[in-house]
Amino acid sequence: MAATAPVTYKTSINRLEHLMGTHYLEVPPEVIQQLGGKLKQRLHCTVNHTLTFQCGLVALGQGAAYISLNNKRMKEAGIKFGDVVHVSLQPDESEYGMEVPEELAELLRQDDEGQRRFRLLTPGKQRYIIQYVASVKSSQLRIDRALLLINNLKTLPVGKESFRQMLGLK
């Protein structure tokens, strides 16, 4: 499959006050149309040719959407509220919309039932597991987290999985 050309545009860093001042990049309706006209898609976002990350679109209203920017990403890109930035968006064609940690990928290769149950989850729950496992630096802790989530997942009724239950919380 050929790579899709990126869609580029300029926007300013804005803030959603009703979401505790979350910073975001607005994605105008015409850019969404260039990306295929759907909000439910995963993307690679590059800001000012320096910072690239995987993301999704969130509806903003009137045909526009936004991409959240956390403080760490803003610091990495050297940007702040109000700055005008160059944005490049390209569809993310990876299987889960984010990189799967090696430890989780290996567990899913070895555990057929765990892999089957993981694949039955919604894409958002799959990404939650991937993000939770990937969010720690220690390989051993990534293994521990992967085992905890997948082993708990296998005990839950299909379609009734919750994050709390996958974490072993009631």
Protein backbone atom coordinates (compact mmCIF):
# COMPACT_ATOMS: atom_id res chain seq x y z
CA MET A 1 0.00 0.00 0.00
CA ALA A 2 1.44 3.39 -1.00
CA ALA A 3 1.94 5.99 1.68
CA THR A 4 -0.54 8.86 1.65
CA ALA A 5 0.90 12.34 1.19
CA PRO A 6 0.72 14.47 4.34
CA VAL A 7 -1.80 17.29 4.66
CA THR A 8 -0.12 20.46 5.94
CA TYR A 9 -1.50 23.69 7.37
CA LYS A 10 -0.82 26.36 10.00
CA THR A 11 -2.74 26.92 13.22
CA SER A 12 -2.21 28.40 16.66
CA ILE A 13 -1.93 26.57 19.97
CA ASN A 14 -5.31 26.95 21.68
CA ARG A 15 -6.70 25.99 25.08
CA LEU A 16 -9.91 24.21 26.12
CA GLU A 17 -10.77 25.87 29.42
CA HIS A 18 -13.61 23.42 30.17
CA LEU A 19 -11.04 20.58 30.06
CA MET A 20 -8.70 22.05 32.69
CA GLY A 21 -6.90 24.20 30.14
CA THR A 22 -5.93 21.36 27.81
CA HIS A 23 -3.84 22.68 24.91
CA TYR A 24 -4.75 21.63 21.40
CA LEU A 25 -4.21 22.03 17.68
CA GLU A 26 -7.34 22.84 15.72
CA VAL A 27 -7.95 20.78 12.60
CA PRO A 28 -10.18 22.82 10.25
CA PRO A 29 -13.03 21.18 8.29
CA GLU A 30 -11.13 21.49 4.97
CA VAL A 31 -8.18 19.54 6.42
CA ILE A 32 -10.53 16.83 7.70
CA GLN A 33 -11.97 16.60 4.17
CA GLN A 34 -8.47 16.23 2.72
CA LEU A 35 -7.86 13.39 5.20
CA GLY A 36 -10.94 11.53 3.99
CA GLY A 37 -13.76 13.34 5.81
CA LYS A 38 -13.86 11.12 8.93
CA LEU A 39 -13.18 11.96 12.54
CA LYS A 40 -12.62 8.35 13.59
CA GLN A 41 -9.10 7.87 12.36
CA ARG A 42 -5.60 7.64 13.74
CA LEU A 43 -2.92 10.01 12.48
CA HIS A 44 0.75 10.88 12.64
CA CYS A 45 0.99 14.55 13.59
CA THR A 46 4.18 16.54 13.06
CA VAL A 47 4.51 19.99 14.65
CA ASN A 48 7.05 22.49 13.27
CA HIS A 49 8.94 19.69 11.49
CA THR A 50 10.43 18.64 14.86
CA LEU A 51 7.94 16.61 16.90
CA THR A 52 5.98 13.67 15.49
CA PHE A 53 3.44 11.66 17.50
CA GLN A 54 0.49 9.35 16.94
CA CYS A 55 -2.94 10.82 17.68
CA GLY A 56 -6.65 10.83 16.98
CA LEU A 57 -9.14 13.56 16.14
CA VAL A 58 -11.75 14.83 18.61
CA ALA A 59 -14.83 16.69 17.36
CA LEU A 60 -14.67 20.42 18.10
CA GLY A 61 -17.90 21.47 16.40
CA GLN A 62 -18.92 23.04 13.08
CA GLY A 63 -16.99 20.39 11.15
CA ALA A 64 -13.69 21.07 12.92
CA ALA A 65 -11.71 18.78 15.21
CA TYR A 66 -8.75 19.04 17.55
CA ILE A 67 -5.64 17.14 18.58
CA SER A 68 -4.62 17.36 22.25
CA LEU A 69 -1.15 18.54 23.18
CA ASN A 70 0.20 17.60 26.59
CA ASN A 71 2.83 19.69 28.37
CA LYS A 72 5.61 17.21 27.59
CA ARG A 73 4.97 17.44 23.84
CA MET A 74 4.77 21.22 23.97
CA LYS A 75 8.09 21.37 25.79
CA GLU A 76 9.71 18.93 23.32
CA ALA A 77 8.52 21.07 20.39
CA GLY A 78 9.48 24.33 22.10
CA ILE A 79 5.98 25.76 21.72
CA LYS A 80 3.52 27.55 24.02
CA PHE A 81 -0.08 28.74 24.13
CA GLY A 82 -0.78 31.20 21.31
CA ASP A 83 2.16 30.19 19.09
CA VAL A 84 1.41 29.69 15.40
CA VAL A 85 2.73 26.30 14.30
CA HIS A 86 3.14 24.32 11.10
CA VAL A 87 1.19 21.03 11.28
CA SER A 88 1.53 18.00 9.04
CA LEU A 89 -1.01 15.17 9.32
CA GLN A 90 -0.78 11.75 7.72
CA PRO A 91 -3.01 8.70 8.24
CA ASP A 92 -1.52 6.18 10.66
CA GLU A 93 -1.77 2.83 8.93
CA SER A 94 -0.32 0.80 11.81
CA GLU A 95 -2.46 -2.00 13.16
CA TYR A 96 -3.36 -0.35 16.48
CA GLY A 97 -2.62 3.32 15.85
CA MET A 98 0.37 3.24 18.18
CA GLU A 99 3.56 1.26 18.63
CA VAL A 100 3.09 -1.98 20.59
CA PRO A 101 5.75 -2.53 23.27
CA GLU A 102 7.96 -5.54 22.55
CA GLU A 103 6.96 -7.17 25.87
CA LEU A 104 3.23 -7.01 25.09
CA ALA A 105 3.74 -8.17 21.49
CA GLU A 106 5.73 -11.20 22.71
CA LEU A 107 3.09 -12.08 25.30
CA LEU A 108 0.35 -11.93 22.66
CA ARG A 109 2.46 -14.17 20.33
CA GLN A 110 2.81 -16.77 23.10
CA ASP A 111 -0.73 -16.61 24.53
CA ASP A 112 -3.33 -17.57 21.92
CA GLU A 113 -6.30 -16.96 24.23
CA GLY A 114 -4.88 -13.63 25.39
CA GLN A 115 -4.38 -12.57 21.78
CA ARG A 116 -7.91 -13.68 20.85
CA ARG A 117 -9.43 -11.69 23.73
CA PHE A 118 -7.23 -8.65 22.99
CA ARG A 119 -8.42 -8.64 19.36
CA LEU A 120 -12.06 -8.72 20.52
CA LEU A 121 -11.62 -5.44 22.42
CA THR A 122 -12.59 -2.11 20.91
CA PRO A 123 -9.69 -0.19 19.34
CA GLY A 124 -9.78 2.29 22.23
CA LYS A 125 -9.42 -0.45 24.85
CA GLN A 126 -6.62 -2.04 22.82
CA ARG A 127 -4.80 1.30 22.76
CA TYR A 128 -5.41 1.72 26.51
CA ILE A 129 -3.62 -1.57 27.19
CA ILE A 130 -0.79 -0.69 24.80
CA GLN A 131 -0.36 2.78 26.34
CA TYR A 132 -0.51 1.49 29.92
CA VAL A 133 2.16 -1.15 29.23
CA ALA A 134 4.34 1.29 27.25
CA SER A 135 4.15 4.10 29.81
CA VAL A 136 6.93 2.72 32.04
CA LYS A 137 10.67 2.63 31.31
CA SER A 138 11.51 -0.67 32.96
CA SER A 139 11.23 -3.74 30.72
CA GLN A 140 10.35 -5.89 33.75
CA LEU A 141 7.55 -3.53 34.72
CA ARG A 142 6.23 -3.61 31.12
CA ILE A 143 6.21 -7.44 31.32
CA ASP A 144 4.42 -7.30 34.69
CA ARG A 145 1.81 -4.88 33.38
CA ALA A 146 1.22 -6.89 30.20
CA LEU A 147 0.76 -10.10 32.20
CA LEU A 148 -1.59 -8.41 34.69
CA LEU A 149 -3.84 -6.90 32.02
CA ILE A 150 -3.98 -9.89 29.65
CA ASN A 151 -4.44 -12.48 32.44
CA ASN A 152 -7.26 -10.42 33.98
CA LEU A 153 -8.78 -9.81 30.54
CA LYS A 154 -9.07 -13.58 29.96
CA THR A 155 -11.22 -13.95 33.11
CA LEU A 156 -13.77 -11.26 32.16
CA PRO A 157 -16.97 -11.85 30.15
CA VAL A 158 -16.56 -10.87 26.49
CA GLY A 159 -17.98 -7.39 25.90
CA LYS A 160 -18.00 -6.56 29.62
CA GLU A 161 -14.31 -5.69 30.02
CA SER A 162 -13.52 -2.58 32.04
CA PHE A 163 -10.16 -0.92 32.62
CA ARG A 164 -10.56 -1.24 36.38
CA GLN A 165 -11.20 -4.97 36.14
CA MET A 166 -8.26 -5.46 33.77
CA LEU A 167 -6.10 -3.74 36.39
CA GLY A 168 -7.43 -6.15 39.03
CA LEU A 169 -9.51 -3.48 40.78
CA LYS A 170 -13.15 -4.06 41.63
